[in-house]
């Protein structure tokens, strides 16, 4: 099982904060550094010094890290036009030497759209935008050099695009997730290399992964080619006192974290991950790290949890 670091910088983090975490994650041997793509803080956090743009952040990290993979959970289709977004992601992939993974979703946080003047259509239209963006972005990347790409959809039209630049990877891994019972699994089966479920329980994950498998079979795709992953909040300590201290630092209760995330001693967390793997078949976990100043937290998990998950 691969462990990845997932951050929520809209809650309050500068680029330098994210760079420290990304480098610490790389040094500790984590598989990837991911960040959310949000423009407004949530809950009681102050959000200072303010939001950082996901793809500008990843461009910087592409040049200031060496091996760790980089990506978003997830970019909202309401934030950017698909043509320029395809260019941005391809460029960051080039800048990183082929280390980008592209997470895309329909968008959900109405308040951040209002705060920054972004249109927030109804769910049905957002999903249409999401679907067309997947078709356009992957189509632009897969068009052979020297040929052009056109698209005539309900929301976007591209005419004779040179479909440049190309990412270093072919294809760029695409991460899709979500709770929808039909359309989301169908889109994942068509476009995604990975299906991610953030902050759900084991029973829901089991059922949703089964829907994705069925959607893959419906189009003749081997379900085994889809990586299964989940996102879970992290709160690990060497003893109960350290667990309690880390829970307090992020404003959460230990019992709630044990119920809904990965909390406790390394032995408890290894056991919890074993349950997840046995019931859902996941091979990848995004560890939501909310206290970005606590780099010892990352080192502890890398030293005492990750080695027990290999093999």
C-alpha atoms as a PDB file:
ATOM      1  CA  UNK A   1       0.000   0.000   0.000  1.00  0.00           C
ATOM      2  CA  UNK A   2       1.351   3.390  -1.030  1.00  0.00           C
ATOM      3  CA  UNK A   3       1.043   6.392   1.274  1.00  0.00           C
ATOM      4  CA  UNK A   4       0.726   9.906  -0.114  1.00  0.00           C
ATOM      5  CA  UNK A   5       0.523  13.303   1.562  1.00  0.00           C
ATOM      6  CA  UNK A   6      -2.530  15.471   0.950  1.00  0.00           C
ATOM      7  CA  UNK A   7      -2.694  19.100   2.109  1.00  0.00           C
ATOM      8  CA  UNK A   8      -5.461  21.720   2.389  1.00  0.00           C
ATOM      9  CA  UNK A   9      -3.553  25.009   1.972  1.00  0.00           C
ATOM     10  CA  UNK A  10      -6.706  27.142   1.729  1.00  0.00           C
ATOM     11  CA  UNK A  11      -6.940  26.647   5.496  1.00  0.00           C
ATOM     12  CA  UNK A  12      -3.789  28.728   5.920  1.00  0.00           C
ATOM     13  CA  UNK A  13      -0.454  28.071   4.195  1.00  0.00           C
ATOM     14  CA  UNK A  14       2.032  29.935   2.055  1.00  0.00           C
ATOM     15  CA  UNK A  15       3.980  28.469  -0.846  1.00  0.00           C
ATOM     16  CA  UNK A  16       7.017  28.190   1.445  1.00  0.00           C
ATOM     17  CA  UNK A  17       4.957  26.162   3.922  1.00  0.00           C
ATOM     18  CA  UNK A  18       3.940  23.784   1.153  1.00  0.00           C
ATOM     19  CA  UNK A  19       7.498  23.515  -0.123  1.00  0.00           C
ATOM     20  CA  UNK A  20       8.714  22.452   3.338  1.00  0.00           C
ATOM     21  CA  UNK A  21       6.046  19.760   3.543  1.00  0.00           C
ATOM     22  CA  UNK A  22       6.672  18.530  -0.001  1.00  0.00           C
ATOM     23  CA  UNK A  23      10.412  18.259   0.598  1.00  0.00           C
ATOM     24  CA  UNK A  24       9.856  16.520   3.946  1.00  0.00           C
ATOM     25  CA  UNK A  25       7.469  14.086   2.268  1.00  0.00           C
ATOM     26  CA  UNK A  26       9.985  13.422  -0.493  1.00  0.00           C
ATOM     27  CA  UNK A  27      12.825  12.881   1.963  1.00  0.00           C
ATOM     28  CA  UNK A  28      10.659  10.509   4.034  1.00  0.00           C
ATOM     29  CA  UNK A  29       9.802   8.380   1.005  1.00  0.00           C
ATOM     30  CA  UNK A  30       6.109   9.161   0.457  1.00  0.00           C
ATOM     31  CA  UNK A  31       4.790   8.395  -3.006  1.00  0.00           C
ATOM     32  CA  UNK A  32       3.313  11.801  -3.770  1.00  0.00           C
ATOM     33  CA  UNK A  33       2.487  15.278  -2.537  1.00  0.00           C
ATOM     34  CA  UNK A  34      -1.026  16.415  -3.398  1.00  0.00           C
ATOM     35  CA  UNK A  35      -2.922  19.545  -2.563  1.00  0.00           C
ATOM     36  CA  UNK A  36      -6.526  20.671  -2.735  1.00  0.00           C
ATOM     37  CA  UNK A  37      -7.599  23.232  -5.322  1.00  0.00           C
ATOM     38  CA  UNK A  38      -9.643  25.759  -3.335  1.00  0.00           C
ATOM     39  CA  UNK A  39      -9.733  29.545  -3.098  1.00  0.00           C
ATOM     40  CA  UNK A  40     -11.516  29.991   0.229  1.00  0.00           C
ATOM     41  CA  UNK A  41     -10.951  28.649   3.730  1.00  0.00           C
ATOM     42  CA  UNK A  42     -13.521  26.442   5.390  1.00  0.00           C
ATOM     43  CA  UNK A  43     -14.716  26.376   8.979  1.00  0.00           C
ATOM     44  CA  UNK A  44     -13.033  28.282  11.775  1.00  0.00           C
ATOM     45  CA  UNK A  45      -9.529  28.508  10.245  1.00  0.00           C
ATOM     46  CA  UNK A  46      -8.293  32.036   9.535  1.00  0.00           C
ATOM     47  CA  UNK A  47      -6.976  31.060   6.103  1.00  0.00           C
ATOM     48  CA  UNK A  48      -3.976  33.363   6.411  1.00  0.00           C
ATOM     49  CA  UNK A  49      -1.986  34.426   4.469  1.00  0.00           C
ATOM     50  CA  UNK A  50      -4.601  33.611   1.834  1.00  0.00           C
ATOM     51  CA  UNK A  51      -5.127  31.084  -0.957  1.00  0.00           C
ATOM     52  CA  UNK A  52      -2.416  29.831  -3.267  1.00  0.00           C
ATOM     53  CA  UNK A  53      -3.183  28.661  -6.782  1.00  0.00           C
ATOM     54  CA  UNK A  54      -2.844  24.898  -7.137  1.00  0.00           C
ATOM     55  CA  UNK A  55      -1.115  24.765 -10.510  1.00  0.00           C
ATOM     56  CA  UNK A  56       1.221  27.665  -9.792  1.00  0.00           C
ATOM     57  CA  UNK A  57       2.164  25.863  -6.575  1.00  0.00           C
ATOM     58  CA  UNK A  58       2.779  22.597  -8.400  1.00  0.00           C
ATOM     59  CA  UNK A  59       4.871  24.364 -11.046  1.00  0.00           C
ATOM     60  CA  UNK A  60       7.116  25.703  -8.301  1.00  0.00           C
ATOM     61  CA  UNK A  61       7.344  22.329  -6.601  1.00  0.00           C
ATOM     62  CA  UNK A  62       8.122  20.693  -9.934  1.00  0.00           C
ATOM     63  CA  UNK A  63      11.401  22.609 -10.004  1.00  0.00           C
ATOM     64  CA  UNK A  64      12.172  22.361  -6.285  1.00  0.00           C
ATOM     65  CA  UNK A  65      11.660  18.624  -5.788  1.00  0.00           C
ATOM     66  CA  UNK A  66      13.247  15.680  -7.558  1.00  0.00           C
ATOM     67  CA  UNK A  67      11.312  12.441  -7.322  1.00  0.00           C
ATOM     68  CA  UNK A  68       7.997  12.828  -5.551  1.00  0.00           C
ATOM     69  CA  UNK A  69       4.849  12.808  -7.681  1.00  0.00           C
ATOM     70  CA  UNK A  70       2.608  15.874  -7.657  1.00  0.00           C
ATOM     71  CA  UNK A  71      -1.090  16.450  -8.133  1.00  0.00           C
ATOM     72  CA  UNK A  72      -4.479  17.839  -7.140  1.00  0.00           C
ATOM     73  CA  UNK A  73      -7.417  16.387  -5.232  1.00  0.00           C
ATOM     74  CA  UNK A  74      -9.095  17.845  -7.130  1.00  0.00           C
ATOM     75  CA  UNK A  75      -9.133  20.691  -9.614  1.00  0.00           C
ATOM     76  CA  UNK A  76     -12.657  22.014 -10.140  1.00  0.00           C
ATOM     77  CA  UNK A  77     -14.001  22.153 -13.681  1.00  0.00           C
ATOM     78  CA  UNK A  78     -15.637  25.488 -12.805  1.00  0.00           C
ATOM     79  CA  UNK A  79     -12.288  27.190 -12.134  1.00  0.00           C
ATOM     80  CA  UNK A  80     -10.581  27.122 -15.528  1.00  0.00           C
ATOM     81  CA  UNK A  81     -11.241  26.683 -19.233  1.00  0.00           C
ATOM     82  CA  UNK A  82     -10.155  23.246 -20.442  1.00  0.00           C
ATOM     83  CA  UNK A  83      -7.794  24.409 -23.198  1.00  0.00           C
ATOM     84  CA  UNK A  84      -5.603  26.615 -20.981  1.00  0.00           C
ATOM     85  CA  UNK A  85      -5.839  24.040 -18.173  1.00  0.00           C
ATOM     86  CA  UNK A  86      -4.495  21.345 -20.510  1.00  0.00           C
ATOM     87  CA  UNK A  87      -1.583  23.655 -21.341  1.00  0.00           C
ATOM     88  CA  UNK A  88      -0.855  24.359 -17.657  1.00  0.00           C
ATOM     89  CA  UNK A  89      -0.896  20.720 -16.602  1.00  0.00           C
ATOM     90  CA  UNK A  90       1.206  19.647 -19.583  1.00  0.00           C
ATOM     91  CA  UNK A  91       3.761  22.340 -18.792  1.00  0.00           C
ATOM     92  CA  UNK A  92       3.972  21.341 -15.123  1.00  0.00           C
ATOM     93  CA  UNK A  93       4.414  17.732 -16.212  1.00  0.00           C
ATOM     94  CA  UNK A  94       7.302  18.809 -18.426  1.00  0.00           C
ATOM     95  CA  UNK A  95       8.787  20.920 -15.641  1.00  0.00           C
ATOM     96  CA  UNK A  96       8.677  17.967 -13.248  1.00  0.00           C
ATOM     97  CA  UNK A  97      10.106  15.438 -15.670  1.00  0.00           C
ATOM     98  CA  UNK A  98       6.816  13.550 -15.856  1.00  0.00           C
ATOM     99  CA  UNK A  99       5.614  13.488 -12.241  1.00  0.00           C
ATOM    100  CA  UNK A 100       2.133  15.031 -12.483  1.00  0.00           C
ATOM    101  CA  UNK A 101      -1.174  13.331 -11.724  1.00  0.00           C
ATOM    102  CA  UNK A 102      -4.286  15.208 -12.750  1.00  0.00           C
ATOM    103  CA  UNK A 103      -7.288  15.133 -10.437  1.00  0.00           C
ATOM    104  CA  UNK A 104     -10.451  16.727 -11.829  1.00  0.00           C
ATOM    105  CA  UNK A 105     -13.936  17.125 -10.382  1.00  0.00           C
ATOM    106  CA  UNK A 106     -17.136  19.050 -10.954  1.00  0.00           C
ATOM    107  CA  UNK A 107     -16.638  21.618  -8.159  1.00  0.00           C
ATOM    108  CA  UNK A 108     -18.873  21.948  -5.113  1.00  0.00           C
ATOM    109  CA  UNK A 109     -18.009  24.899  -2.831  1.00  0.00           C
ATOM    110  CA  UNK A 110     -20.434  27.667  -3.771  1.00  0.00           C
ATOM    111  CA  UNK A 111     -18.985  30.291  -1.408  1.00  0.00           C
ATOM    112  CA  UNK A 112     -15.533  30.298  -2.999  1.00  0.00           C
ATOM    113  CA  UNK A 113     -17.094  30.872  -6.396  1.00  0.00           C
ATOM    114  CA  UNK A 114     -19.016  33.858  -5.036  1.00  0.00           C
ATOM    115  CA  UNK A 115     -15.916  35.202  -3.265  1.00  0.00           C
ATOM    116  CA  UNK A 116     -13.810  35.260  -6.436  1.00  0.00           C
ATOM    117  CA  UNK A 117     -16.416  35.952  -9.112  1.00  0.00           C
ATOM    118  CA  UNK A 118     -16.628  32.457 -10.544  1.00  0.00           C
ATOM    119  CA  UNK A 119     -19.842  31.169 -12.051  1.00  0.00           C
ATOM    120  CA  UNK A 120     -21.402  28.321 -10.056  1.00  0.00           C
ATOM    121  CA  UNK A 121     -24.052  26.597 -12.150  1.00  0.00           C
ATOM    122  CA  UNK A 122     -26.458  23.942 -10.934  1.00  0.00           C
ATOM    123  CA  UNK A 123     -25.118  20.447 -10.328  1.00  0.00           C
ATOM    124  CA  UNK A 124     -26.348  19.049 -13.635  1.00  0.00           C
ATOM    125  CA  UNK A 125     -24.520  21.706 -15.628  1.00  0.00           C
ATOM    126  CA  UNK A 126     -21.398  21.387 -13.489  1.00  0.00           C
ATOM    127  CA  UNK A 127     -21.290  17.712 -14.299  1.00  0.00           C
ATOM    128  CA  UNK A 128     -21.687  18.477 -17.999  1.00  0.00           C
ATOM    129  CA  UNK A 129     -18.728  20.882 -17.780  1.00  0.00           C
ATOM    130  CA  UNK A 130     -16.726  18.197 -15.976  1.00  0.00           C
ATOM    131  CA  UNK A 131     -17.502  15.599 -18.630  1.00  0.00           C
ATOM    132  CA  UNK A 132     -16.628  17.887 -21.523  1.00  0.00           C
ATOM    133  CA  UNK A 133     -13.407  19.007 -19.856  1.00  0.00           C
ATOM    134  CA  UNK A 134     -12.289  15.406 -19.454  1.00  0.00           C
ATOM    135  CA  UNK A 135     -12.929  14.773 -23.141  1.00  0.00           C
ATOM    136  CA  UNK A 136     -11.145  17.957 -24.228  1.00  0.00           C
ATOM    137  CA  UNK A 137      -8.094  17.754 -21.976  1.00  0.00           C
ATOM    138  CA  UNK A 138      -7.371  14.096 -22.631  1.00  0.00           C
ATOM    139  CA  UNK A 139      -8.141  14.647 -26.319  1.00  0.00           C
ATOM    140  CA  UNK A 140      -5.665  17.510 -26.590  1.00  0.00           C
ATOM    141  CA  UNK A 141      -2.943  15.482 -24.901  1.00  0.00           C
ATOM    142  CA  UNK A 142      -3.506  12.374 -27.019  1.00  0.00           C
ATOM    143  CA  UNK A 143      -3.665  14.127 -30.410  1.00  0.00           C
ATOM    144  CA  UNK A 144      -0.499  13.237 -32.357  1.00  0.00           C
ATOM    145  CA  UNK A 145       1.971  16.050 -32.949  1.00  0.00           C
ATOM    146  CA  UNK A 146       1.278  17.629 -36.314  1.00  0.00           C
ATOM    147  CA  UNK A 147      -2.447  16.903 -36.152  1.00  0.00           C
ATOM    148  CA  UNK A 148      -5.219  19.128 -34.811  1.00  0.00           C
ATOM    149  CA  UNK A 149      -8.014  18.643 -32.301  1.00  0.00           C
ATOM    150  CA  UNK A 150     -11.562  19.949 -32.575  1.00  0.00           C
ATOM    151  CA  UNK A 151     -14.487  19.593 -30.213  1.00  0.00           C
ATOM    152  CA  UNK A 152     -18.096  20.697 -30.566  1.00  0.00           C
ATOM    153  CA  UNK A 153     -19.883  20.344 -27.254  1.00  0.00           C
ATOM    154  CA  UNK A 154     -22.722  21.982 -25.402  1.00  0.00           C
ATOM    155  CA  UNK A 155     -20.391  24.212 -23.366  1.00  0.00           C
ATOM    156  CA  UNK A 156     -17.030  24.252 -25.170  1.00  0.00           C
ATOM    157  CA  UNK A 157     -15.979  24.429 -28.804  1.00  0.00           C
ATOM    158  CA  UNK A 158     -12.413  24.052 -30.038  1.00  0.00           C
ATOM    159  CA  UNK A 159     -11.533  24.447 -33.693  1.00  0.00           C
ATOM    160  CA  UNK A 160      -8.326  23.083 -35.204  1.00  0.00           C
ATOM    161  CA  UNK A 161      -6.293  23.341 -32.018  1.00  0.00           C
ATOM    162  CA  UNK A 162      -2.639  22.400 -32.499  1.00  0.00           C
ATOM    163  CA  UNK A 163      -3.066  20.498 -29.207  1.00  0.00           C
ATOM    164  CA  UNK A 164       0.253  21.679 -27.829  1.00  0.00           C
ATOM    165  CA  UNK A 165       2.231  21.404 -25.644  1.00  0.00           C
ATOM    166  CA  UNK A 166       2.359  17.711 -24.887  1.00  0.00           C
ATOM    167  CA  UNK A 167       2.976  16.450 -21.369  1.00  0.00           C
ATOM    168  CA  UNK A 168       6.045  14.324 -20.759  1.00  0.00           C
ATOM    169  CA  UNK A 169       3.905  11.376 -19.693  1.00  0.00           C
ATOM    170  CA  UNK A 170       1.648   9.621 -22.149  1.00  0.00           C
ATOM    171  CA  UNK A 171      -0.885   9.342 -20.751  1.00  0.00           C
ATOM    172  CA  UNK A 172      -0.933  11.604 -17.714  1.00  0.00           C
ATOM    173  CA  UNK A 173      -2.610   9.691 -14.860  1.00  0.00           C
ATOM    174  CA  UNK A 174      -6.143  11.019 -14.323  1.00  0.00           C
ATOM    175  CA  UNK A 175      -7.748  10.819 -10.890  1.00  0.00           C
ATOM    176  CA  UNK A 176     -11.538  10.941 -10.584  1.00  0.00           C
ATOM    177  CA  UNK A 177     -13.666  10.425  -7.497  1.00  0.00           C
ATOM    178  CA  UNK A 178     -17.082  11.077  -6.098  1.00  0.00           C
ATOM    179  CA  UNK A 179     -20.237   9.655  -4.627  1.00  0.00           C
ATOM    180  CA  UNK A 180     -22.511   9.497  -7.681  1.00  0.00           C
ATOM    181  CA  UNK A 181     -23.927   6.066  -8.378  1.00  0.00           C
ATOM    182  CA  UNK A 182     -23.996   6.098 -12.202  1.00  0.00           C
ATOM    183  CA  UNK A 183     -22.436   9.003 -14.082  1.00  0.00           C
ATOM    184  CA  UNK A 184     -19.314   9.277 -11.921  1.00  0.00           C
ATOM    185  CA  UNK A 185     -18.355   5.575 -12.202  1.00  0.00           C
ATOM    186  CA  UNK A 186     -19.042   5.692 -15.946  1.00  0.00           C
ATOM    187  CA  UNK A 187     -16.750   8.699 -16.439  1.00  0.00           C
ATOM    188  CA  UNK A 188     -14.063   7.088 -14.303  1.00  0.00           C
ATOM    189  CA  UNK A 189     -14.221   3.905 -16.344  1.00  0.00           C
ATOM    190  CA  UNK A 190     -13.718   5.925 -19.516  1.00  0.00           C
ATOM    191  CA  UNK A 191     -11.066   8.411 -18.438  1.00  0.00           C
ATOM    192  CA  UNK A 192      -9.465   7.619 -15.076  1.00  0.00           C
ATOM    193  CA  UNK A 193      -6.437   5.614 -14.075  1.00  0.00           C
ATOM    194  CA  UNK A 194      -7.439   5.986 -10.418  1.00  0.00           C
ATOM    195  CA  UNK A 195     -10.707   6.268  -8.522  1.00  0.00           C
ATOM    196  CA  UNK A 196     -10.466   8.127  -5.216  1.00  0.00           C
ATOM    197  CA  UNK A 197     -12.949   8.347  -2.372  1.00  0.00           C
ATOM    198  CA  UNK A 198     -12.202  11.058   0.191  1.00  0.00           C
ATOM    199  CA  UNK A 199     -13.468  10.842   3.760  1.00  0.00           C
ATOM    200  CA  UNK A 200     -16.051   8.077   3.420  1.00  0.00           C
ATOM    201  CA  UNK A 201     -16.585   4.941   5.476  1.00  0.00           C
ATOM    202  CA  UNK A 202     -15.546   1.434   4.507  1.00  0.00           C
ATOM    203  CA  UNK A 203     -19.040   0.265   3.602  1.00  0.00           C
ATOM    204  CA  UNK A 204     -19.694   3.144   1.217  1.00  0.00           C
ATOM    205  CA  UNK A 205     -16.264   2.714  -0.347  1.00  0.00           C
ATOM    206  CA  UNK A 206     -16.880  -0.986  -0.922  1.00  0.00           C
ATOM    207  CA  UNK A 207     -20.165  -0.286  -2.693  1.00  0.00           C
ATOM    208  CA  UNK A 208     -18.795   2.572  -4.797  1.00  0.00           C
ATOM    209  CA  UNK A 209     -15.730   0.652  -5.928  1.00  0.00           C
ATOM    210  CA  UNK A 210     -18.068  -2.160  -7.008  1.00  0.00           C
ATOM    211  CA  UNK A 211     -20.003   0.348  -9.124  1.00  0.00           C
ATOM    212  CA  UNK A 212     -16.759   1.510 -10.746  1.00  0.00           C
ATOM    213  CA  UNK A 213     -15.795  -2.099 -11.474  1.00  0.00           C
ATOM    214  CA  UNK A 214     -19.178  -2.678 -13.108  1.00  0.00           C
ATOM    215  CA  UNK A 215     -18.807   0.478 -15.196  1.00  0.00           C
ATOM    216  CA  UNK A 216     -15.403  -0.736 -16.375  1.00  0.00           C
ATOM    217  CA  UNK A 217     -16.833  -4.100 -17.405  1.00  0.00           C
ATOM    218  CA  UNK A 218     -19.668  -2.357 -19.252  1.00  0.00           C
ATOM    219  CA  UNK A 219     -17.158  -0.796 -21.676  1.00  0.00           C
ATOM    220  CA  UNK A 220     -14.858  -3.811 -21.857  1.00  0.00           C
ATOM    221  CA  UNK A 221     -12.205  -2.471 -19.515  1.00  0.00           C
ATOM    222  CA  UNK A 222     -10.489  -4.730 -16.996  1.00  0.00           C
ATOM    223  CA  UNK A 223     -11.406  -3.367 -13.537  1.00  0.00           C
ATOM    224  CA  UNK A 224      -7.959  -4.386 -12.320  1.00  0.00           C
ATOM    225  CA  UNK A 225      -6.507  -1.517 -14.376  1.00  0.00           C
ATOM    226  CA  UNK A 226      -8.205   1.019 -12.057  1.00  0.00           C
ATOM    227  CA  UNK A 227      -6.227   1.993  -8.976  1.00  0.00           C
ATOM    228  CA  UNK A 228      -8.417   2.257  -5.876  1.00  0.00           C
ATOM    229  CA  UNK A 229      -7.584   4.943  -3.328  1.00  0.00           C
ATOM    230  CA  UNK A 230      -9.079   6.781  -0.371  1.00  0.00           C
ATOM    231  CA  UNK A 231      -8.349   9.988   1.495  1.00  0.00           C
ATOM    232  CA  UNK A 232      -8.304   9.906   5.295  1.00  0.00           C
ATOM    233  CA  UNK A 233      -7.392  12.491   7.913  1.00  0.00           C
ATOM    234  CA  UNK A 234      -4.158  11.664   9.764  1.00  0.00           C
ATOM    235  CA  UNK A 235      -3.460  11.861  13.502  1.00  0.00           C
ATOM    236  CA  UNK A 236      -0.743   9.471  14.672  1.00  0.00           C
ATOM    237  CA  UNK A 237       1.288   9.572  17.882  1.00  0.00           C
ATOM    238  CA  UNK A 238       3.811   7.408  19.639  1.00  0.00           C
ATOM    239  CA  UNK A 239       1.460   7.221  22.620  1.00  0.00           C
ATOM    240  CA  UNK A 240      -2.018   8.374  23.617  1.00  0.00           C
ATOM    241  CA  UNK A 241      -0.730  11.717  24.869  1.00  0.00           C
ATOM    242  CA  UNK A 242       0.884  12.531  21.541  1.00  0.00           C
ATOM    243  CA  UNK A 243      -2.240  11.488  19.656  1.00  0.00           C
ATOM    244  CA  UNK A 244      -4.327  13.781  21.884  1.00  0.00           C
ATOM    245  CA  UNK A 245      -1.908  16.667  21.348  1.00  0.00           C
ATOM    246  CA  UNK A 246      -2.067  16.304  17.587  1.00  0.00           C
ATOM    247  CA  UNK A 247      -5.852  16.033  17.619  1.00  0.00           C
ATOM    248  CA  UNK A 248      -6.120  19.215  19.675  1.00  0.00           C
ATOM    249  CA  UNK A 249      -3.791  21.030  17.269  1.00  0.00           C
ATOM    250  CA  UNK A 250      -6.275  20.510  14.442  1.00  0.00           C
ATOM    251  CA  UNK A 251      -9.382  21.088  16.556  1.00  0.00           C
ATOM    252  CA  UNK A 252     -10.641  17.495  16.466  1.00  0.00           C
ATOM    253  CA  UNK A 253     -11.543  14.842  19.035  1.00  0.00           C
ATOM    254  CA  UNK A 254      -9.501  11.646  19.232  1.00  0.00           C
ATOM    255  CA  UNK A 255     -12.528   9.327  19.265  1.00  0.00           C
ATOM    256  CA  UNK A 256     -13.999  11.043  16.207  1.00  0.00           C
ATOM    257  CA  UNK A 257     -10.703  10.794  14.357  1.00  0.00           C
ATOM    258  CA  UNK A 258     -10.415   7.094  15.162  1.00  0.00           C
ATOM    259  CA  UNK A 259     -13.930   6.595  13.845  1.00  0.00           C
ATOM    260  CA  UNK A 260     -13.553   8.613  10.651  1.00  0.00           C
ATOM    261  CA  UNK A 261      -9.842   8.708   9.867  1.00  0.00           C
ATOM    262  CA  UNK A 262      -6.456   7.250  10.695  1.00  0.00           C
ATOM    263  CA  UNK A 263      -5.753   8.028  14.332  1.00  0.00           C
ATOM    264  CA  UNK A 264      -3.909   6.365  17.169  1.00  0.00           C
ATOM    265  CA  UNK A 265      -0.539   4.753  17.631  1.00  0.00           C
ATOM    266  CA  UNK A 266       1.345   3.355  14.637  1.00  0.00           C
ATOM    267  CA  UNK A 267       0.127  -0.146  15.514  1.00  0.00           C
ATOM    268  CA  UNK A 268      -3.491   1.024  15.597  1.00  0.00           C
ATOM    269  CA  UNK A 269      -3.158   2.793  12.257  1.00  0.00           C
ATOM    270  CA  UNK A 270      -1.516  -0.210  10.601  1.00  0.00           C
ATOM    271  CA  UNK A 271      -4.406  -2.370  11.801  1.00  0.00           C
ATOM    272  CA  UNK A 272      -6.934   0.148  10.518  1.00  0.00           C
ATOM    273  CA  UNK A 273      -5.290   0.264   7.105  1.00  0.00           C
ATOM    274  CA  UNK A 274      -5.266  -3.519   7.043  1.00  0.00           C
ATOM    275  CA  UNK A 275      -9.037  -3.494   7.521  1.00  0.00           C
ATOM    276  CA  UNK A 276      -9.459  -0.995   4.708  1.00  0.00           C
ATOM    277  CA  UNK A 277      -7.343  -3.063   2.351  1.00  0.00           C
ATOM    278  CA  UNK A 278      -9.093  -6.325   3.198  1.00  0.00           C
ATOM    279  CA  UNK A 279     -12.578  -4.880   2.651  1.00  0.00           C
ATOM    280  CA  UNK A 280     -12.031  -2.504  -0.251  1.00  0.00           C
ATOM    281  CA  UNK A 281      -8.879  -3.568  -2.073  1.00  0.00           C
ATOM    282  CA  UNK A 282      -7.336  -0.114  -1.891  1.00  0.00           C
ATOM    283  CA  UNK A 283      -3.666   0.150  -2.776  1.00  0.00           C
ATOM    284  CA  UNK A 284      -3.161   3.871  -2.142  1.00  0.00           C
ATOM    285  CA  UNK A 285      -4.050   6.221   0.720  1.00  0.00           C
ATOM    286  CA  UNK A 286      -3.926  10.018   0.739  1.00  0.00           C
ATOM    287  CA  UNK A 287      -3.081  11.131   4.265  1.00  0.00           C
ATOM    288  CA  UNK A 288      -4.786  14.454   4.941  1.00  0.00           C
ATOM    289  CA  UNK A 289      -2.244  16.438   6.964  1.00  0.00           C
ATOM    290  CA  UNK A 290      -3.850  19.497   8.540  1.00  0.00           C
ATOM    291  CA  UNK A 291      -1.025  20.801  10.755  1.00  0.00           C
ATOM    292  CA  UNK A 292       1.618  21.684   8.186  1.00  0.00           C
ATOM    293  CA  UNK A 293       4.098  22.822  10.831  1.00  0.00           C
ATOM    294  CA  UNK A 294       4.365  19.327  12.355  1.00  0.00           C
ATOM    295  CA  UNK A 295       6.916  17.650  10.109  1.00  0.00           C
ATOM    296  CA  UNK A 296       7.688  15.091  12.834  1.00  0.00           C
ATOM    297  CA  UNK A 297       4.212  13.698  12.174  1.00  0.00           C
ATOM    298  CA  UNK A 298       5.226  12.801   8.606  1.00  0.00           C
ATOM    299  CA  UNK A 299       8.511  11.318   9.758  1.00  0.00           C
ATOM    300  CA  UNK A 300       6.804   9.168  12.396  1.00  0.00           C
ATOM    301  CA  UNK A 301       4.364   7.652   9.898  1.00  0.00           C
ATOM    302  CA  UNK A 302       7.124   7.077   7.343  1.00  0.00           C
ATOM    303  CA  UNK A 303       9.299   5.338   9.925  1.00  0.00           C
ATOM    304  CA  UNK A 304       6.743   3.281  11.853  1.00  0.00           C
ATOM    305  CA  UNK A 305       3.684   2.808   9.642  1.00  0.00           C
ATOM    306  CA  UNK A 306       4.851   2.716   6.017  1.00  0.00           C
ATOM    307  CA  UNK A 307       7.386  -0.152   6.442  1.00  0.00           C
ATOM    308  CA  UNK A 308       4.625  -2.423   7.760  1.00  0.00           C
ATOM    309  CA  UNK A 309       2.503  -1.854   4.649  1.00  0.00           C
ATOM    310  CA  UNK A 310       5.056  -3.043   2.122  1.00  0.00           C
ATOM    311  CA  UNK A 311       5.090  -6.483   0.650  1.00  0.00           C
END
